């Protein structure tokens, strides 16, 4: 059985918060629900916004659904700074919707070239 401090520690250290593509999964939908490994509902992105903000540094307003365009490009880029992807260029591609741009992905182009095109 999970105590509050146990689930919060597990929540904070979840790999979900370090994966590149989950940034879009966190910000795009109006509702994101979080569950324990035992499928116990922990809360949603609004009820857990304080914890999520501490983990990700994403402002409360962004978690609450404010238009991402109201945040600077540098700030939005910082949200993906420590996220990991299998391919280096996927880290860049995972930021497209966050930045409101689209570039055609090219397999094997590398992060540097993809970032220049972004």
Foldseek 3Di string as FASTA:
>chain_A
DDDPVRVLVCVLPPLCQQAQQSVCVQQVDQWAWDADPVRHTPGICLVCVVSSCVNQVDDNCSNNHDPLVVDDPVVLLSSLPRHDDPAQCVSLQSCCVSNVHDDDDDPPPHNVVSNVVD
